[in-house]
Amino acid sequence: MVVIGKTIDIVSSVLKSIYMNAAEILGYAAGAVTAFTFLPQVIKTWREQSAKDISLTMFLIAFINEIMWLVYGFMIDNFVIILTNAVMLLMSGIMILLKLKYGKS
């Protein structure tokens, strides 16, 4: 009986580990896609040196939102949330700077 109980515990532990690894992989993949959401807009604005049709308000809201997500990520010690939102904060910040620089062109 003890052997069966230990075997079940080992199998359960292995299955939980596989599930967590799959969940982590999915989390990192989703985070990577999310993190680069603004990248096409950053590249387009940089190349065209024009941001007249870009909403400054939208990127200010996104910037504030990313700060809140970063704080939350640190509070719960979740690296996927921290990394994703650090990149999003950077992208939002770049767009704000590009809007301020090229907004009238």
Foldseek 3Di string as FASTA:
>chain_A
DVVVVVVVVVVVVVVVVVVVVVVVVVLLVVLVVLLCPLVVVLVVCVVVLACQVPDLVVLVVQLVVLVVQLVVCVVVVPVSSNVSSVSSNVSSVSSNVSCVRHNVD
